[in-house]
């Protein structure tokens, strides 16, 4: 699925990056994984589709553009995303605050 011109892989991905695993109104981000340089809505999508083991972003790469806002298409750095207080800094769309429970699956530190 292409979301604002960026390919997002996964299971039943919609036009705002929701997937079969996380599909609430606020589930509108995708993460680019460092192991394959591909965007996925969630770690479960990566595990089901990628065909390789998932890697997390090292703590010293917080400047990498690795988070896609499915609402507006902005690509955020990891630092911007972690500091954004659960909303896109570009369009103001609310992100799911529950995603913080999974940060350790995407980002070291």
N, C-alpha and C. Protein backbone atom coordinates (compact mmCIF):
# COMPACT_ATOMS: atom_id res chain seq x y z
N UNK A 1 0.85 -1.18 0.00
CA UNK A 1 0.00 0.00 0.00
C UNK A 1 0.89 1.23 0.00
N UNK A 2 0.54 2.19 -0.83
CA UNK A 2 1.25 3.45 -0.82
C UNK A 2 0.47 4.46 0.00
N UNK A 3 1.14 5.09 0.94
CA UNK A 3 0.55 6.09 1.82
C UNK A 3 1.27 7.40 1.54
N UNK A 4 0.56 8.33 0.95
CA UNK A 4 1.16 9.63 0.57
C UNK A 4 2.44 9.42 -0.23
N UNK A 5 2.44 8.45 -1.12
CA UNK A 5 3.58 8.20 -2.00
C UNK A 5 4.67 7.32 -1.43
N UNK A 6 4.53 6.89 -0.18
CA UNK A 6 5.53 6.04 0.46
C UNK A 6 4.97 4.64 0.62
N UNK A 7 5.73 3.64 0.20
CA UNK A 7 5.25 2.27 0.33
C UNK A 7 5.31 1.83 1.79
N UNK A 8 4.18 1.27 2.26
CA UNK A 8 4.09 0.71 3.60
C UNK A 8 3.65 -0.74 3.45
N UNK A 9 4.50 -1.65 3.88
CA UNK A 9 4.21 -3.08 3.78
C UNK A 9 3.51 -3.54 5.04
N UNK A 10 2.76 -4.64 4.93
CA UNK A 10 2.11 -5.18 6.11
C UNK A 10 0.88 -5.99 5.76
N UNK A 11 0.06 -6.23 6.76
CA UNK A 11 -1.13 -7.05 6.62
C UNK A 11 -2.36 -6.14 6.65
N UNK A 12 -3.05 -6.06 5.52
CA UNK A 12 -4.26 -5.24 5.38
C UNK A 12 -4.01 -3.78 5.78
N UNK A 13 -3.01 -3.17 5.17
CA UNK A 13 -2.66 -1.78 5.45
C UNK A 13 -3.64 -0.86 4.74
N UNK A 14 -4.14 0.16 5.47
CA UNK A 14 -5.05 1.11 4.83
C UNK A 14 -4.31 2.38 4.44
N UNK A 15 -5.03 3.35 3.94
CA UNK A 15 -4.44 4.57 3.39
C UNK A 15 -3.83 5.49 4.44
N UNK A 16 -4.01 5.17 5.74
CA UNK A 16 -3.39 5.97 6.81
C UNK A 16 -2.49 5.12 7.70
N UNK A 17 -2.03 4.00 7.21
CA UNK A 17 -1.08 3.07 7.85
C UNK A 17 -1.67 2.15 8.91
N UNK A 18 -2.99 2.13 9.07
CA UNK A 18 -3.56 1.14 9.99
C UNK A 18 -3.38 -0.24 9.39
N UNK A 19 -3.37 -1.27 10.25
CA UNK A 19 -3.19 -2.63 9.76
C UNK A 19 -4.15 -3.57 10.48
N UNK A 20 -4.04 -4.85 10.17
CA UNK A 20 -4.94 -5.82 10.79
C UNK A 20 -4.67 -5.98 12.28
N UNK A 21 -3.51 -5.57 12.75
CA UNK A 21 -3.16 -5.72 14.16
C UNK A 21 -3.55 -4.50 15.00
N UNK A 22 -3.39 -3.32 14.42
CA UNK A 22 -3.68 -2.06 15.11
C UNK A 22 -4.47 -1.17 14.16
N UNK A 23 -5.74 -0.97 14.48
CA UNK A 23 -6.60 -0.27 13.51
C UNK A 23 -7.56 0.73 14.15
N UNK A 24 -7.12 1.35 15.25
CA UNK A 24 -7.97 2.39 15.83
C UNK A 24 -7.75 3.70 15.08
N UNK A 25 -8.56 4.67 15.38
CA UNK A 25 -8.46 5.98 14.74
C UNK A 25 -7.06 6.58 14.92
N UNK A 26 -6.41 6.30 16.04
CA UNK A 26 -5.10 6.89 16.35
C UNK A 26 -3.91 6.07 15.85
N UNK A 27 -4.14 4.92 15.26
CA UNK A 27 -3.05 4.09 14.76
C UNK A 27 -2.65 4.54 13.36
N UNK A 28 -1.96 5.68 13.31
CA UNK A 28 -1.64 6.30 12.03
C UNK A 28 -0.15 6.58 11.86
N UNK A 29 0.68 5.66 12.31
CA UNK A 29 2.10 5.78 12.01
C UNK A 29 2.62 4.47 11.44
N UNK A 30 3.71 4.56 10.74
CA UNK A 30 4.45 3.39 10.29
C UNK A 30 5.91 3.64 10.66
N UNK A 31 6.61 2.56 10.95
CA UNK A 31 8.01 2.63 11.34
C UNK A 31 8.86 2.03 10.22
N UNK A 32 9.93 2.72 9.85
CA UNK A 32 10.90 2.17 8.91
C UNK A 32 11.91 1.37 9.72
N UNK A 33 12.03 0.10 9.41
CA UNK A 33 12.92 -0.78 10.16
C UNK A 33 14.34 -0.71 9.58
N UNK A 34 15.36 -0.64 10.44
CA UNK A 34 16.73 -0.51 9.96
C UNK A 34 17.25 -1.76 9.26
N UNK A 35 16.67 -2.90 9.54
CA UNK A 35 17.13 -4.16 8.95
C UNK A 35 16.82 -4.26 7.46
N UNK A 36 15.78 -3.59 7.01
CA UNK A 36 15.37 -3.72 5.61
C UNK A 36 15.07 -2.38 4.94
N UNK A 37 15.08 -1.31 5.73
CA UNK A 37 14.80 0.03 5.20
C UNK A 37 13.39 0.13 4.61
N UNK A 38 12.46 -0.64 5.16
CA UNK A 38 11.07 -0.65 4.70
C UNK A 38 10.15 -0.21 5.84
N UNK A 39 9.08 0.49 5.46
CA UNK A 39 8.07 0.91 6.43
C UNK A 39 7.05 -0.21 6.66
N UNK A 40 6.69 -0.40 7.93
CA UNK A 40 5.63 -1.31 8.35
C UNK A 40 4.80 -0.61 9.42
N UNK A 41 3.49 -0.88 9.48
CA UNK A 41 2.66 -0.26 10.51
C UNK A 41 3.01 -0.70 11.93
N UNK A 42 3.54 -1.93 12.06
CA UNK A 42 3.83 -2.44 13.40
C UNK A 42 4.83 -3.59 13.32
N UNK A 43 5.32 -3.97 14.49
CA UNK A 43 6.29 -5.07 14.56
C UNK A 43 5.68 -6.39 14.12
N UNK A 44 4.40 -6.58 14.37
CA UNK A 44 3.75 -7.82 13.96
C UNK A 44 3.68 -7.93 12.43
N UNK A 45 3.37 -6.83 11.77
CA UNK A 45 3.37 -6.83 10.30
C UNK A 45 4.75 -7.18 9.78
N UNK A 46 5.78 -6.56 10.35
CA UNK A 46 7.15 -6.87 9.92
C UNK A 46 7.43 -8.35 10.09
N UNK A 47 7.08 -8.89 11.24
CA UNK A 47 7.38 -10.30 11.52
C UNK A 47 6.65 -11.24 10.55
N UNK A 48 5.45 -10.88 10.15
CA UNK A 48 4.67 -11.72 9.25
C UNK A 48 5.07 -11.61 7.78
N UNK A 49 5.56 -10.43 7.37
CA UNK A 49 5.75 -10.17 5.95
C UNK A 49 7.22 -10.12 5.51
N UNK A 50 8.11 -9.64 6.36
CA UNK A 50 9.47 -9.33 5.95
C UNK A 50 10.32 -10.55 5.56
N UNK A 51 10.14 -11.66 6.23
CA UNK A 51 10.94 -12.84 5.92
C UNK A 51 12.33 -12.83 6.53
N UNK A 52 12.57 -11.94 7.51
CA UNK A 52 13.84 -11.90 8.23
C UNK A 52 13.57 -11.37 9.63
N UNK A 53 14.56 -11.51 10.49
CA UNK A 53 14.43 -11.04 11.87
C UNK A 53 14.43 -9.52 11.92
N UNK A 54 13.64 -9.01 12.81
CA UNK A 54 13.52 -7.56 12.99
C UNK A 54 14.71 -7.03 13.79
N UNK A 55 15.13 -5.82 13.46
CA UNK A 55 16.17 -5.12 14.21
C UNK A 55 15.59 -3.82 14.75
N UNK A 56 16.16 -3.33 15.83
CA UNK A 56 15.75 -2.04 16.40
C UNK A 56 16.74 -0.96 15.99
N UNK A 57 16.27 0.27 16.03
CA UNK A 57 17.14 1.41 15.73
C UNK A 57 18.09 1.63 16.89
N UNK A 58 19.40 1.74 16.62
CA UNK A 58 20.34 2.01 17.71
C UNK A 58 20.13 3.41 18.28
N UNK A 59 20.45 3.55 19.54
CA UNK A 59 20.21 4.82 20.23
C UNK A 59 20.95 5.99 19.58
N UNK A 60 22.08 5.73 18.95
CA UNK A 60 22.85 6.81 18.32
C UNK A 60 22.32 7.21 16.94
N UNK A 61 21.17 6.68 16.54
CA UNK A 61 20.57 7.02 15.24
C UNK A 61 19.24 7.76 15.40
N UNK A 62 19.06 8.49 16.45
CA UNK A 62 17.81 9.22 16.69
C UNK A 62 17.53 10.26 15.61
N UNK A 63 18.54 10.58 14.80
CA UNK A 63 18.36 11.55 13.72
C UNK A 63 17.80 10.91 12.44
N UNK A 64 17.63 9.61 12.43
CA UNK A 64 17.12 8.92 11.23
C UNK A 64 15.63 9.20 11.03
N UNK A 65 15.25 9.51 9.79
CA UNK A 65 13.83 9.64 9.47
C UNK A 65 13.27 8.24 9.37
N UNK A 66 12.50 7.84 10.38
CA UNK A 66 12.05 6.46 10.47
C UNK A 66 10.60 6.31 10.87
N UNK A 67 9.86 7.42 10.99
CA UNK A 67 8.46 7.35 11.39
C UNK A 67 7.63 8.14 10.37
N UNK A 68 6.63 7.49 9.81
CA UNK A 68 5.75 8.09 8.82
C UNK A 68 4.39 8.38 9.43
N UNK A 69 3.94 9.62 9.34
CA UNK A 69 2.58 9.96 9.77
C UNK A 69 1.63 9.57 8.64
N UNK A 70 0.73 8.66 8.93
CA UNK A 70 -0.22 8.21 7.92
C UNK A 70 -1.28 9.24 7.58
N UNK A 71 -1.45 10.24 8.44
CA UNK A 71 -2.45 11.27 8.19
C UNK A 71 -1.97 12.29 7.16
N UNK A 72 -0.70 12.73 7.28
CA UNK A 72 -0.23 13.79 6.38
C UNK A 72 0.96 13.38 5.52
N UNK A 73 1.59 12.25 5.83
CA UNK A 73 2.73 11.80 5.04
C UNK A 73 4.07 12.34 5.48
N UNK A 74 4.11 13.08 6.58
CA UNK A 74 5.39 13.59 7.08
C UNK A 74 6.26 12.44 7.57
N UNK A 75 7.56 12.56 7.26
CA UNK A 75 8.52 11.60 7.80
C UNK A 75 9.25 12.29 8.95
N UNK A 76 9.15 11.68 10.11
CA UNK A 76 9.73 12.25 11.31
C UNK A 76 11.00 11.51 11.68
N UNK A 77 11.94 12.24 12.27
CA UNK A 77 13.09 11.55 12.83
C UNK A 77 12.62 10.82 14.08
N UNK A 78 13.42 9.88 14.51
CA UNK A 78 13.08 9.15 15.73
C UNK A 78 12.99 10.12 16.90
N UNK A 79 13.93 11.05 16.99
CA UNK A 79 13.91 12.04 18.07
C UNK A 79 12.63 12.88 18.04
N UNK A 80 12.22 13.32 16.86
CA UNK A 80 10.98 14.10 16.74
C UNK A 80 9.79 13.28 17.21
N UNK A 81 9.73 12.03 16.76
CA UNK A 81 8.61 11.17 17.15
C UNK A 81 8.57 10.93 18.65
N UNK A 82 9.70 10.59 19.24
CA UNK A 82 9.73 10.30 20.67
C UNK A 82 9.42 11.53 21.51
N UNK A 83 9.65 12.72 20.96
CA UNK A 83 9.39 13.95 21.70
C UNK A 83 8.09 14.66 21.34
N UNK A 84 7.25 14.06 20.54
CA UNK A 84 6.09 14.79 19.99
C UNK A 84 4.83 14.75 20.85
N UNK A 85 4.85 14.08 21.98
CA UNK A 85 3.69 14.06 22.88
C UNK A 85 2.44 13.50 22.21
N UNK A 86 2.59 12.42 21.47
CA UNK A 86 1.48 11.65 20.90
C UNK A 86 0.65 12.40 19.86
N UNK A 87 1.27 13.31 19.13
CA UNK A 87 0.59 13.92 17.98
C UNK A 87 1.62 14.35 16.96
N UNK A 88 1.21 14.34 15.72
CA UNK A 88 2.12 14.73 14.65
C UNK A 88 2.47 16.21 14.80
N UNK A 89 3.76 16.54 14.81
CA UNK A 89 4.14 17.94 14.92
C UNK A 89 3.81 18.76 13.67
N UNK A 90 3.55 18.08 12.55
CA UNK A 90 3.24 18.79 11.31
C UNK A 90 1.75 19.03 11.10
N UNK A 91 0.93 18.01 11.38
CA UNK A 91 -0.51 18.17 11.11
C UNK A 91 -1.39 18.13 12.37
N UNK A 92 -0.82 17.76 13.51
CA UNK A 92 -1.58 17.74 14.76
C UNK A 92 -2.44 16.51 14.97
N UNK A 93 -2.41 15.55 14.06
CA UNK A 93 -3.19 14.33 14.23
C UNK A 93 -2.68 13.56 15.44
N UNK A 94 -3.61 13.07 16.25
CA UNK A 94 -3.26 12.33 17.46
C UNK A 94 -2.73 10.95 17.11
N UNK A 95 -1.63 10.57 17.75
CA UNK A 95 -1.08 9.23 17.64
C UNK A 95 -1.54 8.42 18.85
N UNK A 96 -1.52 7.11 18.72
CA UNK A 96 -1.92 6.23 19.80
C UNK A 96 -0.88 6.28 20.92
N UNK A 97 -1.24 6.78 22.11
CA UNK A 97 -0.26 6.85 23.20
C UNK A 97 0.18 5.46 23.66
N UNK A 98 -0.61 4.44 23.37
CA UNK A 98 -0.24 3.07 23.71
C UNK A 98 0.97 2.57 22.95
N UNK A 99 1.34 3.23 21.86
CA UNK A 99 2.53 2.83 21.11
C UNK A 99 3.78 2.90 21.98
N UNK A 100 3.78 3.76 22.97
CA UNK A 100 4.95 3.87 23.85
C UNK A 100 5.27 2.55 24.54
N UNK A 101 4.27 1.70 24.71
CA UNK A 101 4.50 0.39 25.33
C UNK A 101 5.37 -0.51 24.46
N UNK A 102 5.51 -0.17 23.19
CA UNK A 102 6.27 -1.00 22.25
C UNK A 102 7.56 -0.34 21.77
N UNK A 103 7.92 0.81 22.31
CA UNK A 103 9.12 1.51 21.85
C UNK A 103 10.34 0.60 21.86
N UNK A 104 10.45 -0.26 22.86
CA UNK A 104 11.62 -1.13 22.97
C UNK A 104 11.72 -2.12 21.81
N UNK A 105 10.64 -2.33 21.08
CA UNK A 105 10.66 -3.22 19.91
C UNK A 105 11.16 -2.52 18.66
N UNK A 106 11.22 -1.18 18.72
CA UNK A 106 11.63 -0.38 17.56
C UNK A 106 12.93 0.39 17.81
N UNK A 107 13.12 0.87 19.03
CA UNK A 107 14.21 1.78 19.34
C UNK A 107 14.99 1.31 20.58
N UNK A 108 16.31 1.27 20.46
CA UNK A 108 17.14 0.95 21.63
C UNK A 108 17.10 2.13 22.60
N UNK A 109 17.36 1.82 23.86
CA UNK A 109 17.50 2.88 24.87
C UNK A 109 16.27 3.24 25.60
